[in-house]
Amino acid sequence: MSIHLTPGYTRKIEVKTSKGITIYEKTCSNAEELEQFVKTYSKSKPGWSWLTALACPLRTNNAKGFLQDLFFPTLITETRKTSNVAFKIFVSLFAIVLDVITFPVRLIAAPFRAIYNHQNQEKMHPLTALLKSEGTSIDEDVVTIYCKKKGVKIVNSPEYDKCLKRAFKDSAEGTVTVALRRFIGGLEADDYVKIKSLTYICSVNDEDWVEECNFSLNTKASFNDYLVDPTFSKL
């Protein structure tokens, strides 16, 4: 069966909540626009160390965050870092003891921290500001940016092979998890990229392409490395 390829790329951005609900969509006209969006909105806010969290409740602007930081800052932060059940039980017991011992210190520091936070309001994350400008108000600490790109790039044949043309049909999907607010422990970078590239050849006088080879890759990497067109012919 003949394969017909049309050159060109499409690029799309989606922002989703932790429950997978899409709260923002954007179609980019070129690679630079997609790259600029990722650079502008994908940087997470830094977290606080657990030693700092033991001394005072860091979040006082909402009841849920304040109660977590006041009573169990270590328990909530450290237990979510491991999936090993036995180790999680051990860490939980240690964290509860540590949180109980240091609770009086946090209780005394709480009003002073509340005054400090009131006088030094945390700057809004650029992505939060963008969502609000679009009429979307969310109560999320973390969201995920999905970047999708697919298309076809037809290249000229090398001098030694003037009778053939080559085309690269590429697709890439990158995810970047972003912390919109500061919280204990912060968020570790976990950019992830899924890549698929197919190479086709045909004679210079023909538009019926034949698949030559294909390539796929799933890896933890920055999506910024894969935004330029053409993308994967070099892999």
Protein backbone atom coordinates (compact mmCIF):
# COMPACT_ATOMS: atom_id res chain seq x y z
CA MET A 1 0.00 0.00 0.00
CA SER A 2 1.32 3.43 -0.93
CA ILE A 3 2.21 5.89 1.83
CA HIS A 4 1.71 9.60 1.23
CA LEU A 5 3.36 12.09 3.60
CA THR A 6 2.55 15.78 4.01
CA PRO A 7 5.31 17.90 5.57
CA GLY A 8 4.53 20.08 8.58
CA TYR A 9 4.21 19.94 12.37
CA THR A 10 1.45 20.36 14.93
CA ARG A 11 2.14 21.25 18.55
CA LYS A 12 -0.22 21.21 21.51
CA ILE A 13 0.01 22.01 25.22
CA GLU A 14 -2.31 20.76 27.96
CA VAL A 15 -2.25 21.47 31.70
CA LYS A 16 -3.86 18.82 33.91
CA THR A 17 -4.60 18.50 37.61
CA SER A 18 -3.44 15.60 39.79
CA LYS A 19 -6.74 13.88 38.91
CA GLY A 20 -6.06 14.14 35.19
CA ILE A 21 -8.59 16.91 34.52
CA THR A 22 -7.56 19.23 31.68
CA ILE A 23 -7.73 22.85 32.82
CA TYR A 24 -5.84 24.56 29.99
CA GLU A 25 -5.19 23.87 26.30
CA LYS A 26 -3.11 25.71 23.74
CA THR A 27 -2.08 25.03 20.13
CA CYS A 28 1.34 26.45 19.24
CA SER A 29 2.12 27.71 15.74
CA ASN A 30 5.86 26.97 15.89
CA ALA A 31 8.59 25.32 17.94
CA GLU A 32 9.70 28.61 19.49
CA GLU A 33 6.24 29.27 20.95
CA LEU A 34 6.13 25.81 22.51
CA GLU A 35 9.66 26.17 23.86
CA GLN A 36 8.88 29.59 25.36
CA PHE A 37 5.78 28.23 27.12
CA VAL A 38 7.78 25.41 28.70
CA LYS A 39 10.57 27.74 29.80
CA THR A 40 8.13 30.29 31.25
CA TYR A 41 5.72 28.02 33.10
CA SER A 42 7.48 24.74 33.93
CA LYS A 43 9.77 25.90 36.76
CA SER A 44 8.56 24.62 40.14
CA LYS A 45 8.54 26.68 43.30
CA PRO A 46 11.25 25.57 45.73
CA GLY A 47 10.34 23.47 48.76
CA TRP A 48 11.21 23.87 52.42
CA SER A 49 13.55 21.50 54.22
CA TRP A 50 12.06 19.18 56.85
CA LEU A 51 14.38 20.69 59.51
CA THR A 52 12.79 24.09 58.89
CA ALA A 53 9.35 22.48 59.00
CA LEU A 54 10.07 21.03 62.44
CA ALA A 55 10.63 24.53 63.84
CA CYS A 56 7.41 26.20 62.68
CA PRO A 57 4.28 25.61 60.58
CA LEU A 58 5.30 27.09 57.24
CA ARG A 59 1.92 27.34 55.52
CA THR A 60 -0.58 29.53 57.34
CA ASN A 61 -2.66 30.83 54.43
CA ASN A 62 -5.06 27.86 54.33
CA ALA A 63 -6.44 25.54 57.00
CA LYS A 64 -5.40 22.25 55.38
CA GLY A 65 -1.76 23.24 54.89
CA PHE A 66 -1.54 24.86 58.32
CA LEU A 67 -2.87 21.80 60.17
CA GLN A 68 -0.58 19.46 58.26
CA ASP A 69 2.48 21.59 58.97
CA LEU A 70 1.51 22.12 62.62
CA PHE A 71 0.81 18.52 63.64
CA PHE A 72 2.61 16.14 61.24
CA PRO A 73 5.14 17.91 58.96
CA THR A 74 7.63 15.03 58.95
CA LEU A 75 5.05 12.24 58.69
CA ILE A 76 3.33 13.67 55.63
CA THR A 77 6.54 14.69 53.87
CA GLU A 78 8.78 11.69 54.39
CA THR A 79 6.28 8.84 53.97
CA ARG A 80 5.26 9.92 50.47
CA LYS A 81 8.87 9.56 49.26
CA THR A 82 8.91 5.75 49.35
CA SER A 83 6.65 2.99 48.05
CA ASN A 84 8.27 0.22 50.12
CA VAL A 85 5.64 -0.78 52.70
CA ALA A 86 8.03 -2.02 55.40
CA PHE A 87 10.26 1.04 55.12
CA LYS A 88 7.22 3.33 55.06
CA ILE A 89 5.99 1.85 58.36
CA PHE A 90 9.41 2.36 59.96
CA VAL A 91 9.65 5.95 58.68
CA SER A 92 6.08 6.68 59.84
CA LEU A 93 6.79 5.56 63.41
CA PHE A 94 9.98 7.61 63.56
CA ALA A 95 8.22 10.64 62.02
CA ILE A 96 5.31 10.51 64.50
CA VAL A 97 7.70 10.48 67.46
CA LEU A 98 9.70 13.36 66.03
CA ASP A 99 6.58 15.39 65.24
CA VAL A 100 5.15 14.88 68.75
CA ILE A 101 8.41 15.90 70.45
CA THR A 102 8.74 19.08 68.40
CA PHE A 103 5.05 20.03 68.46
CA PRO A 104 5.38 22.58 71.33
CA VAL A 105 8.04 24.47 69.36
CA ARG A 106 5.78 24.75 66.31
CA LEU A 107 2.80 25.75 68.45
CA ILE A 108 4.75 28.66 69.97
CA ALA A 109 6.12 29.71 66.57
CA ALA A 110 2.74 29.52 64.78
CA PRO A 111 1.46 33.08 65.47
CA PHE A 112 4.81 34.62 64.55
CA ARG A 113 4.88 32.63 61.31
CA ALA A 114 1.32 33.73 60.51
CA ILE A 115 2.30 37.39 60.96
CA TYR A 116 5.38 36.91 58.78
CA ASN A 117 3.39 35.23 55.99
CA HIS A 118 0.77 37.98 56.11
CA GLN A 119 3.42 40.68 55.72
CA ASN A 120 5.38 38.74 53.06
CA GLN A 121 2.84 37.34 50.63
CA GLU A 122 4.15 34.56 48.41
CA LYS A 123 4.44 35.62 44.78
CA MET A 124 1.97 33.89 42.48
CA HIS A 125 3.41 31.26 40.14
CA PRO A 126 3.32 32.41 36.47
CA LEU A 127 1.20 29.39 35.52
CA THR A 128 -1.32 30.17 38.27
CA ALA A 129 -1.53 33.74 36.96
CA LEU A 130 -2.08 32.44 33.41
CA LEU A 131 -4.87 30.11 34.53
CA LYS A 132 -6.58 32.90 36.45
CA SER A 133 -6.39 35.19 33.42
CA GLU A 134 -8.21 32.45 31.48
CA GLY A 135 -10.92 32.28 34.14
CA THR A 136 -9.65 29.09 35.79
CA SER A 137 -9.19 29.09 39.56
CA ILE A 138 -7.74 25.93 41.10
CA ASP A 139 -6.70 24.82 44.56
CA GLU A 140 -3.79 22.61 43.50
CA ASP A 141 -0.22 22.48 44.78
CA VAL A 142 0.96 20.49 41.76
CA VAL A 143 -0.11 20.29 38.10
CA THR A 144 1.34 18.55 35.04
CA ILE A 145 2.13 20.17 31.69
CA TYR A 146 1.72 17.86 28.69
CA CYS A 147 3.55 18.91 25.51
CA LYS A 148 2.75 17.03 22.31
CA LYS A 149 4.38 17.40 18.93
CA LYS A 150 4.02 15.39 15.74
CA GLY A 151 4.66 15.88 12.06
CA VAL A 152 6.73 15.13 8.99
CA LYS A 153 10.03 16.59 7.80
CA ILE A 154 11.23 15.87 4.26
CA VAL A 155 14.97 16.35 3.71
CA ASN A 156 17.16 16.59 0.64
CA SER A 157 19.21 13.56 -0.29
CA PRO A 158 22.97 13.60 0.29
CA GLU A 159 25.19 14.27 -2.69
CA TYR A 160 26.09 10.59 -3.01
CA ASP A 161 22.43 9.51 -3.17
CA LYS A 162 20.65 12.03 -5.39
CA CYS A 163 18.07 9.53 -6.61
CA LEU A 164 16.39 9.19 -3.18
CA LYS A 165 14.46 11.44 -0.80
CA ARG A 166 14.04 10.84 2.90
CA ALA A 167 11.26 11.80 5.28
CA PHE A 168 11.14 11.68 9.07
CA LYS A 169 7.75 11.19 10.73
CA ASP A 170 8.23 12.17 14.34
CA SER A 171 6.07 12.35 17.42
CA ALA A 172 6.98 13.34 20.95
CA GLU A 173 5.03 13.71 24.17
CA GLY A 174 6.67 15.32 27.16
CA THR A 175 5.35 15.75 30.68
CA VAL A 176 6.60 18.23 33.24
CA THR A 177 5.24 18.22 36.80
CA VAL A 178 5.15 21.71 38.30
CA ALA A 179 4.80 22.84 41.93
CA LEU A 180 2.61 25.95 41.93
CA ARG A 181 3.16 26.54 45.65
CA ARG A 182 5.89 25.94 48.19
CA PHE A 183 5.51 22.94 50.46
CA ILE A 184 7.73 20.80 52.67
CA GLY A 185 10.17 18.69 50.71
CA GLY A 186 9.36 20.38 47.41
CA LEU A 187 9.08 18.58 44.11
CA GLU A 188 11.83 16.62 42.45
CA ALA A 189 12.28 17.16 38.71
CA ASP A 190 10.56 14.34 36.84
CA ASP A 191 10.37 15.45 33.21
CA TYR A 192 9.45 12.50 31.01
CA VAL A 193 9.63 12.12 27.23
CA LYS A 194 8.07 9.56 24.89
CA ILE A 195 9.54 9.61 21.40
CA LYS A 196 8.73 7.78 18.19
CA SER A 197 10.46 8.40 14.86
CA LEU A 198 9.92 6.63 11.53
CA THR A 199 12.14 7.08 8.48
CA TYR A 200 10.79 6.74 4.93
CA ILE A 201 12.50 6.79 1.54
CA CYS A 202 11.32 7.23 -2.04
CA SER A 203 12.80 8.10 -5.40
CA VAL A 204 13.03 11.76 -6.37
CA ASN A 205 10.44 11.25 -9.09
CA ASP A 206 7.94 9.41 -6.89
CA GLU A 207 5.75 10.33 -3.91
CA ASP A 208 5.06 6.76 -2.76
CA TRP A 209 7.07 6.42 0.41
CA VAL A 210 8.40 3.16 1.83
CA GLU A 211 9.27 2.73 5.51
CA GLU A 212 13.02 2.38 5.99
CA CYS A 213 13.37 2.12 9.79
CA ASN A 214 11.71 3.20 13.04
CA PHE A 215 12.88 4.32 16.45
CA SER A 216 11.16 4.76 19.80
CA LEU A 217 12.31 5.94 23.22
CA ASN A 218 10.73 6.44 26.64
CA THR A 219 13.02 8.26 29.03
CA LYS A 220 13.28 10.73 31.87
CA ALA A 221 14.64 13.83 30.19
CA SER A 222 13.90 17.49 29.71
CA PHE A 223 11.35 18.07 26.95
CA ASN A 224 13.24 21.25 26.04
CA ASP A 225 15.87 18.99 24.41
CA TYR A 226 13.32 17.77 21.83
CA LEU A 227 11.46 20.90 20.75
CA VAL A 228 13.41 21.88 17.65
CA ASP A 229 12.33 20.68 14.16
CA PRO A 230 13.42 18.26 12.81
CA THR A 231 13.70 16.34 16.04
CA PHE A 232 14.85 12.78 16.02
CA SER A 233 16.52 11.95 12.75
CA LYS A 234 19.84 12.21 14.56
CA LEU A 235 18.93 9.61 17.22
